[in-house]
PDB file of N, CA and C in Angstrom:
ATOM      1  N   MET A   1       0.739  -1.178   0.219  1.00  0.00           N
ATOM      2  CA  MET A   1       0.119  -0.020  -0.120  1.00  0.00           C
ATOM      3  C   MET A   1       0.992   1.258   0.010  1.00  0.00           C
ATOM      4  N   LEU A   2       0.412   2.206  -0.737  1.00  0.00           N
ATOM      5  CA  LEU A   2       1.184   3.383  -0.878  1.00  0.00           C
ATOM      6  C   LEU A   2       0.274   4.544  -0.552  1.00  0.00           C
ATOM      7  N   ALA A   3       0.790   5.394   0.106  1.00  0.00           N
ATOM      8  CA  ALA A   3      -0.018   6.754   0.831  1.00  0.00           C
ATOM      9  C   ALA A   3       0.723   8.177   0.341  1.00  0.00           C
ATOM     10  N   PHE A   4      -0.256   8.824  -0.722  1.00  0.00           N
ATOM     11  CA  PHE A   4       0.331  10.233  -1.179  1.00  0.00           C
ATOM     12  C   PHE A   4      -0.461  11.150  -0.290  1.00  0.00           C
ATOM     13  N   ILE A   5       0.290  11.685   0.643  1.00  0.00           N
ATOM     14  CA  ILE A   5      -0.522  12.574   1.538  1.00  0.00           C
ATOM     15  C   ILE A   5       0.241  13.782   1.536  1.00  0.00           C
ATOM     16  N   GLY A   6      -0.406  14.939   1.935  1.00  0.00           N
ATOM     17  CA  GLY A   6      -0.127  16.446   1.995  1.00  0.00           C
ATOM     18  C   GLY A   6      -1.100  17.169   2.150  1.00  0.00           C
ATOM     19  N   PRO A   7      -0.854  18.592   2.489  1.00  0.00           N
ATOM     20  CA  PRO A   7      -1.779  19.711   2.538  1.00  0.00           C
ATOM     21  C   PRO A   7      -2.520  19.895   1.261  1.00  0.00           C
ATOM     22  N   ASN A   8      -3.619  20.533   1.513  1.00  0.00           N
ATOM     23  CA  ASN A   8      -4.527  21.171   0.381  1.00  0.00           C
ATOM     24  C   ASN A   8      -3.468  21.871  -0.491  1.00  0.00           C
ATOM     25  N   GLY A   9      -3.583  21.840  -1.483  1.00  0.00           N
ATOM     26  CA  GLY A   9      -2.938  22.633  -2.633  1.00  0.00           C
ATOM     27  C   GLY A   9      -1.159  22.353  -2.820  1.00  0.00           C
ATOM     28  N   ALA A  10      -0.832  21.084  -2.296  1.00  0.00           N
ATOM     29  CA  ALA A  10       0.509  20.705  -2.564  1.00  0.00           C
ATOM     30  C   ALA A  10       0.782  20.054  -3.781  1.00  0.00           C
ATOM     31  N   GLY A  11      -0.160  19.862  -4.513  1.00  0.00           N
ATOM     32  CA  GLY A  11       0.027  19.110  -5.725  1.00  0.00           C
ATOM     33  C   GLY A  11       0.114  17.516  -5.911  1.00  0.00           C
ATOM     34  N   LYS A  12      -0.866  16.989  -4.867  1.00  0.00           N
ATOM     35  CA  LYS A  12      -1.151  15.602  -5.167  1.00  0.00           C
ATOM     36  C   LYS A  12      -1.824  15.283  -6.257  1.00  0.00           C
ATOM     37  N   SER A  13      -2.982  15.736  -6.511  1.00  0.00           N
ATOM     38  CA  SER A  13      -3.650  15.608  -7.571  1.00  0.00           C
ATOM     39  C   SER A  13      -2.864  15.793  -8.824  1.00  0.00           C
ATOM     40  N   THR A  14      -2.513  16.786  -8.828  1.00  0.00           N
ATOM     41  CA  THR A  14      -1.654  17.161 -10.437  1.00  0.00           C
ATOM     42  C   THR A  14      -0.569  16.088 -10.510  1.00  0.00           C
ATOM     43  N   THR A  15       0.180  15.777  -9.370  1.00  0.00           N
ATOM     44  CA  THR A  15       1.092  14.559  -9.762  1.00  0.00           C
ATOM     45  C   THR A  15       0.485  13.432 -10.149  1.00  0.00           C
ATOM     46  N   ILE A  16      -0.372  12.976  -9.889  1.00  0.00           N
ATOM     47  CA  ILE A  16      -0.943  11.940 -10.126  1.00  0.00           C
ATOM     48  C   ILE A  16      -1.292  11.804 -11.796  1.00  0.00           C
ATOM     49  N   LYS A  17      -1.908  12.922 -11.929  1.00  0.00           N
ATOM     50  CA  LYS A  17      -2.530  13.223 -13.406  1.00  0.00           C
ATOM     51  C   LYS A  17      -1.346  13.426 -14.270  1.00  0.00           C
ATOM     52  N   VAL A  18      -0.186  13.750 -14.025  1.00  0.00           N
ATOM     53  CA  VAL A  18       1.181  13.912 -14.696  1.00  0.00           C
ATOM     54  C   VAL A  18       1.117  12.550 -14.946  1.00  0.00           C
ATOM     55  N   MET A  19       1.558  11.788 -13.785  1.00  0.00           N
ATOM     56  CA  MET A  19       2.059  10.386 -13.865  1.00  0.00           C
ATOM     57  C   MET A  19       1.302   9.385 -14.515  1.00  0.00           C
ATOM     58  N   THR A  20      -0.279   9.691 -14.924  1.00  0.00           N
ATOM     59  CA  THR A  20      -0.906   8.907 -15.672  1.00  0.00           C
ATOM     60  C   THR A  20      -1.066   9.426 -17.194  1.00  0.00           C
ATOM     61  N   GLY A  21      -0.502  10.410 -17.434  1.00  0.00           N
ATOM     62  CA  GLY A  21      -0.482  11.056 -18.732  1.00  0.00           C
ATOM     63  C   GLY A  21      -1.966  11.983 -18.958  1.00  0.00           C
ATOM     64  N   ILE A  22      -2.537  12.038 -17.966  1.00  0.00           N
ATOM     65  CA  ILE A  22      -3.727  12.806 -18.116  1.00  0.00           C
ATOM     66  C   ILE A  22      -3.354  14.524 -18.448  1.00  0.00           C
ATOM     67  N   LEU A  23      -2.463  14.993 -17.510  1.00  0.00           N
ATOM     68  CA  LEU A  23      -1.534  16.358 -17.866  1.00  0.00           C
ATOM     69  C   LEU A  23      -0.486  16.206 -18.439  1.00  0.00           C
ATOM     70  N   TYR A  24       0.006  17.129 -18.824  1.00  0.00           N
ATOM     71  CA  TYR A  24       1.481  17.070 -19.472  1.00  0.00           C
ATOM     72  C   TYR A  24       2.155  18.403 -18.817  1.00  0.00           C
ATOM     73  N   SER A  25       3.408  18.134 -18.238  1.00  0.00           N
ATOM     74  CA  SER A  25       4.157  19.472 -17.752  1.00  0.00           C
ATOM     75  C   SER A  25       4.931  20.184 -18.705  1.00  0.00           C
ATOM     76  N   ASP A  26       4.924  21.469 -18.325  1.00  0.00           N
ATOM     77  CA  ASP A  26       5.676  22.270 -19.257  1.00  0.00           C
ATOM     78  C   ASP A  26       7.392  22.050 -19.202  1.00  0.00           C
ATOM     79  N   THR A  27       7.644  21.759 -17.981  1.00  0.00           N
ATOM     80  CA  THR A  27       9.015  21.321 -17.858  1.00  0.00           C
ATOM     81  C   THR A  27       9.324  20.275 -17.119  1.00  0.00           C
ATOM     82  N   GLY A  28      10.555  19.631 -17.096  1.00  0.00           N
ATOM     83  CA  GLY A  28      10.675  18.360 -16.442  1.00  0.00           C
ATOM     84  C   GLY A  28      10.480  17.265 -17.132  1.00  0.00           C
ATOM     85  N   ASP A  29      10.734  16.078 -16.434  1.00  0.00           N
ATOM     86  CA  ASP A  29      10.804  14.661 -17.357  1.00  0.00           C
ATOM     87  C   ASP A  29       9.944  13.690 -16.121  1.00  0.00           C
ATOM     88  N   ILE A  30       9.320  12.692 -16.561  1.00  0.00           N
ATOM     89  CA  ILE A  30       8.833  11.587 -15.464  1.00  0.00           C
ATOM     90  C   ILE A  30       9.286  10.336 -16.291  1.00  0.00           C
ATOM     91  N   LYS A  31       9.451   9.148 -15.693  1.00  0.00           N
ATOM     92  CA  LYS A  31       9.458   8.017 -16.388  1.00  0.00           C
ATOM     93  C   LYS A  31       8.895   7.162 -15.351  1.00  0.00           C
ATOM     94  N   ILE A  32       8.285   5.912 -15.746  1.00  0.00           N
ATOM     95  CA  ILE A  32       7.562   5.150 -14.806  1.00  0.00           C
ATOM     96  C   ILE A  32       7.982   3.695 -15.194  1.00  0.00           C
ATOM     97  N   LEU A  33       8.753   2.920 -14.775  1.00  0.00           N
ATOM     98  CA  LEU A  33       9.023   1.731 -15.101  1.00  0.00           C
ATOM     99  C   LEU A  33       9.758   1.889 -16.738  1.00  0.00           C
ATOM    100  N   ASN A  34      10.515   3.420 -16.790  1.00  0.00           N
ATOM    101  CA  ASN A  34      11.246   3.443 -17.844  1.00  0.00           C
ATOM    102  C   ASN A  34      10.445   3.777 -19.139  1.00  0.00           C
ATOM    103  N   ILE A  35       9.261   4.194 -18.559  1.00  0.00           N
ATOM    104  CA  ILE A  35       8.178   4.724 -19.860  1.00  0.00           C
ATOM    105  C   ILE A  35       7.698   6.185 -19.402  1.00  0.00           C
ATOM    106  N   ASN A  36       7.887   6.886 -20.428  1.00  0.00           N
ATOM    107  CA  ASN A  36       7.568   8.337 -20.313  1.00  0.00           C
ATOM    108  C   ASN A  36       5.964   8.588 -20.579  1.00  0.00           C
ATOM    109  N   PRO A  37       5.012   8.822 -19.508  1.00  0.00           N
ATOM    110  CA  PRO A  37       3.491   8.538 -19.657  1.00  0.00           C
ATOM    111  C   PRO A  37       3.081   9.880 -20.480  1.00  0.00           C
ATOM    112  N   MET A  38       3.906  10.888 -20.781  1.00  0.00           N
ATOM    113  CA  MET A  38       3.535  12.184 -21.692  1.00  0.00           C
ATOM    114  C   MET A  38       3.807  11.862 -22.976  1.00  0.00           C
ATOM    115  N   LYS A  39       4.400  10.865 -23.449  1.00  0.00           N
ATOM    116  CA  LYS A  39       4.511  10.513 -24.957  1.00  0.00           C
ATOM    117  C   LYS A  39       3.485   9.596 -25.360  1.00  0.00           C
ATOM    118  N   LYS A  40       2.860  10.001 -26.472  1.00  0.00           N
ATOM    119  CA  LYS A  40       1.472   9.145 -26.978  1.00  0.00           C
ATOM    120  C   LYS A  40       1.971   7.882 -27.397  1.00  0.00           C
ATOM    121  N   GLU A  41       3.246   7.754 -28.052  1.00  0.00           N
ATOM    122  CA  GLU A  41       3.338   6.351 -28.378  1.00  0.00           C
ATOM    123  C   GLU A  41       3.644   5.308 -27.390  1.00  0.00           C
ATOM    124  N   ASN A  42       3.361   5.665 -26.071  1.00  0.00           N
ATOM    125  CA  ASN A  42       3.090   4.578 -25.100  1.00  0.00           C
ATOM    126  C   ASN A  42       1.865   3.918 -24.888  1.00  0.00           C
ATOM    127  N   ASN A  43       0.923   4.664 -25.405  1.00  0.00           N
ATOM    128  CA  ASN A  43      -0.242   4.156 -25.309  1.00  0.00           C
ATOM    129  C   ASN A  43      -0.611   3.029 -26.198  1.00  0.00           C
TER     130      ASN A  43
END
């Protein structure tokens, strides 16, 4: 089990949305199991 906790406005929902590819970040990079969820060819 994993908990992702923090105060309101800390970016918890935004982080999850970027990790799942729902939102795209303007800067930075993310990889989950060596896959970038922001690239459409992964789908």
